[in-house]
Amino acid sequence: MPYNPFFEQRATEAASYVLSKFGGRMNYMKLIKLLYLADRKAFENWERPITYDTYSSLPRGPVLSSTLDLVKSKCIDSDYWDYFIEKKGMDIELKESAIFKKLSPVDLEIIDSILSEFGHLSQFDLAEITEKLPEWKNPGASSFPIELHDLLEKLNYSSDDIERIILDIKEKYTLDLVFSK
């Protein structure tokens, strides 16, 4: 079972929601940074992420790994993402708005708060902000994963809380697999 599972539908819905707030098109790195900040805030507020993605340190700060792979069409074959979203040069464009089946009003509230605080910034400004987050380590010209345990530790969760949160995420993933079939 994955350590920190990825829910493509949740990531697609979140990306669709953000894109809809920006006229349906924006720089793809800005989108990735805003979604990372939303996942991080969800962990801070509710002990769970929005996208359930994995995270990586890249040269310009932390990112949602699988979502970035979807954007760049790397390693992930996705009819779902591709139905709603497409990359056009350095931008990402909403082809059709996703129907929100997985995101809750609380998820959307967190995304709205991130957009209110950071949505006016460029991808370069967001990179500078995310490079200052304690979980990010400069990978040089490479990348490396940000382990969920390390992220939660940087958010000041206790060891017991970290174990509980990770177990809850694994249980949610299992339940989603069972009930989505």
Protein backbone atom coordinates (compact mmCIF):
# COMPACT_ATOMS: atom_id res chain seq x y z
CA MET A 1 0.00 0.00 0.00
CA PRO A 2 1.40 3.44 -0.88
CA TYR A 3 2.82 5.47 1.99
CA ASN A 4 1.04 8.61 0.86
CA PRO A 5 -1.49 7.63 -1.81
CA PHE A 6 -2.42 9.82 -4.73
CA PHE A 7 -6.05 10.49 -5.54
CA GLU A 8 -6.03 11.67 -9.14
CA GLN A 9 -9.68 12.69 -9.06
CA ARG A 10 -9.11 14.92 -6.02
CA ALA A 11 -6.05 16.51 -7.65
CA THR A 12 -7.98 17.06 -10.89
CA GLU A 13 -10.92 18.60 -9.06
CA ALA A 14 -8.60 20.88 -7.06
CA ALA A 15 -6.71 21.96 -10.19
CA SER A 16 -9.99 22.53 -12.02
CA TYR A 17 -11.27 24.66 -9.16
CA VAL A 18 -8.13 26.82 -9.07
CA LEU A 19 -8.10 27.21 -12.84
CA SER A 20 -11.77 28.27 -12.81
CA LYS A 21 -10.84 31.09 -10.42
CA PHE A 22 -8.24 32.36 -12.91
CA GLY A 23 -10.32 32.41 -16.07
CA GLY A 24 -9.44 28.81 -16.95
CA ARG A 25 -5.74 29.31 -17.66
CA MET A 26 -2.52 29.94 -15.72
CA ASN A 27 1.16 29.10 -15.54
CA TYR A 28 1.48 25.45 -14.61
CA MET A 29 4.11 26.03 -11.91
CA LYS A 30 1.89 28.64 -10.24
CA LEU A 31 -0.89 26.05 -10.14
CA ILE A 32 1.42 23.40 -8.65
CA LYS A 33 2.70 25.82 -5.99
CA LEU A 34 -0.82 26.94 -5.02
CA LEU A 35 -1.98 23.33 -4.73
CA TYR A 36 1.09 22.45 -2.63
CA LEU A 37 0.32 25.34 -0.27
CA ALA A 38 -3.32 24.20 -0.08
CA ASP A 39 -2.31 20.62 0.81
CA ARG A 40 0.09 21.96 3.44
CA LYS A 41 -2.59 24.21 4.96
CA ALA A 42 -5.06 21.31 4.99
CA PHE A 43 -2.52 19.31 7.00
CA GLU A 44 -2.11 22.24 9.38
CA ASN A 45 -5.86 22.74 9.85
CA TRP A 46 -7.38 19.28 9.42
CA GLU A 47 -4.55 16.71 9.67
CA ARG A 48 -5.12 15.57 6.09
CA PRO A 49 -4.26 16.85 2.63
CA ILE A 50 -6.58 17.76 -0.21
CA THR A 51 -4.92 15.89 -3.08
CA TYR A 52 -3.25 13.03 -1.20
CA ASP A 53 -0.29 13.50 -3.53
CA THR A 54 3.37 12.85 -2.74
CA TYR A 55 5.74 15.77 -2.39
CA SER A 56 9.20 16.51 -3.76
CA SER A 57 11.88 19.13 -3.33
CA LEU A 58 12.75 20.60 -6.70
CA PRO A 59 15.26 23.38 -7.40
CA ARG A 60 12.48 26.02 -7.07
CA GLY A 61 10.79 24.67 -3.94
CA PRO A 62 8.42 21.86 -3.02
CA VAL A 63 5.80 20.50 -5.42
CA LEU A 64 3.03 17.93 -5.71
CA SER A 65 4.93 15.11 -7.43
CA SER A 66 2.20 13.14 -9.17
CA THR A 67 0.24 16.24 -10.14
CA LEU A 68 3.35 17.70 -11.74
CA ASP A 69 3.81 14.41 -13.59
CA LEU A 70 0.23 14.71 -14.85
CA VAL A 71 0.89 18.26 -16.03
CA LYS A 72 4.02 17.20 -17.86
CA SER A 73 2.46 13.92 -19.08
CA LYS A 74 5.24 11.94 -17.43
CA CYS A 75 4.82 8.37 -16.25
CA ILE A 76 1.12 8.73 -15.52
CA ASP A 77 -1.47 7.77 -18.09
CA SER A 78 -4.62 9.66 -17.27
CA ASP A 79 -7.80 9.85 -19.24
CA TYR A 80 -9.45 11.59 -16.27
CA TRP A 81 -6.97 14.49 -15.90
CA ASP A 82 -6.61 14.79 -19.66
CA TYR A 83 -10.38 15.08 -20.11
CA PHE A 84 -10.50 18.26 -18.00
CA ILE A 85 -7.05 19.81 -18.24
CA GLU A 86 -4.34 20.27 -20.84
CA LYS A 87 -0.91 21.86 -20.96
CA LYS A 88 -0.29 24.61 -23.50
CA GLY A 89 3.34 25.67 -23.43
CA MET A 90 4.09 26.92 -19.92
CA ASP A 91 0.39 27.30 -19.13
CA ILE A 92 -2.25 24.85 -18.09
CA GLU A 93 -5.78 25.25 -19.38
CA LEU A 94 -9.15 24.06 -18.22
CA LYS A 95 -10.91 22.25 -21.06
CA GLU A 96 -13.99 21.47 -19.03
CA SER A 97 -14.77 22.09 -15.37
CA ALA A 98 -14.60 18.97 -13.24
CA ILE A 99 -17.66 17.89 -11.29
CA PHE A 100 -16.80 18.01 -7.61
CA LYS A 101 -17.46 14.54 -6.25
CA LYS A 102 -14.42 14.12 -4.00
CA LEU A 103 -13.70 17.61 -2.68
CA SER A 104 -15.64 18.82 0.32
CA PRO A 105 -16.71 22.38 1.09
CA VAL A 106 -13.87 22.44 3.64
CA ASP A 107 -11.37 21.52 0.90
CA LEU A 108 -12.68 24.36 -1.27
CA GLU A 109 -12.55 26.74 1.70
CA ILE A 110 -8.85 25.95 2.21
CA ILE A 111 -8.12 26.41 -1.48
CA ASP A 112 -10.00 29.74 -1.41
CA SER A 113 -7.93 30.91 1.57
CA ILE A 114 -4.69 30.04 -0.26
CA LEU A 115 -5.90 31.84 -3.39
CA SER A 116 -6.84 34.87 -1.31
CA GLU A 117 -3.42 34.97 0.33
CA PHE A 118 -1.17 33.91 -2.56
CA GLY A 119 -3.20 33.91 -5.79
CA HIS A 120 -2.04 37.37 -6.86
CA LEU A 121 1.62 36.28 -6.84
CA SER A 122 3.62 35.00 -9.81
CA GLN A 123 5.08 31.50 -10.01
CA PHE A 124 8.48 33.07 -9.22
CA ASP A 125 7.17 34.77 -6.08
CA LEU A 126 5.53 31.51 -5.02
CA ALA A 127 8.81 29.66 -5.62
CA GLU A 128 10.61 32.10 -3.32
CA ILE A 129 7.97 31.60 -0.62
CA THR A 130 8.00 27.80 -0.87
CA GLU A 131 11.81 27.72 -0.84
CA LYS A 132 11.58 29.17 2.68
CA LEU A 133 9.36 26.37 3.99
CA PRO A 134 11.22 24.20 6.50
CA GLU A 135 10.46 20.90 4.74
CA TRP A 136 12.21 22.03 1.54
CA LYS A 137 15.85 21.09 1.07
CA ASN A 138 17.72 22.41 -1.97
CA PRO A 139 18.29 19.40 -4.24
CA GLY A 140 20.68 21.25 -6.55
CA ALA A 141 19.91 20.29 -10.14
CA SER A 142 18.07 17.14 -9.01
CA SER A 143 15.04 16.40 -6.85
CA PHE A 144 14.22 14.24 -3.90
CA PRO A 145 11.07 13.25 -2.04
CA ILE A 146 9.67 15.07 0.95
CA GLU A 147 8.54 12.26 3.20
CA LEU A 148 5.12 12.73 4.76
CA HIS A 149 6.61 12.06 8.19
CA ASP A 150 9.12 14.90 7.68
CA LEU A 151 6.44 17.33 6.47
CA LEU A 152 4.22 16.57 9.47
CA GLU A 153 7.19 16.92 11.80
CA LYS A 154 7.94 20.38 10.32
CA LEU A 155 4.29 21.26 10.97
CA ASN A 156 5.00 20.49 14.67
CA TYR A 157 2.98 17.31 15.01
CA SER A 158 4.10 14.88 17.72
CA SER A 159 5.40 11.41 16.83
CA ASP A 160 2.14 9.86 18.01
CA ASP A 161 0.08 12.29 15.95
CA ILE A 162 2.23 11.64 12.88
CA GLU A 163 1.70 7.87 13.18
CA ARG A 164 -2.06 8.38 13.61
CA ILE A 165 -2.32 10.78 10.63
CA ILE A 166 -0.37 8.44 8.36
CA LEU A 167 -2.53 5.50 9.45
CA ASP A 168 -5.68 7.56 8.77
CA ILE A 169 -4.41 8.37 5.27
CA LYS A 170 -3.73 4.70 4.55
CA GLU A 171 -7.21 3.76 5.79
CA LYS A 172 -8.83 6.45 3.63
CA TYR A 173 -6.91 5.15 0.63
CA THR A 174 -8.06 1.59 1.29
CA LEU A 175 -11.68 2.66 1.74
CA ASP A 176 -11.56 4.73 -1.43
CA LEU A 177 -10.21 1.75 -3.37
CA VAL A 178 -12.97 -0.50 -2.02
CA PHE A 179 -15.87 1.92 -2.55
CA SER A 180 -14.77 3.40 -5.87
CA LYS A 181 -15.09 0.09 -7.71
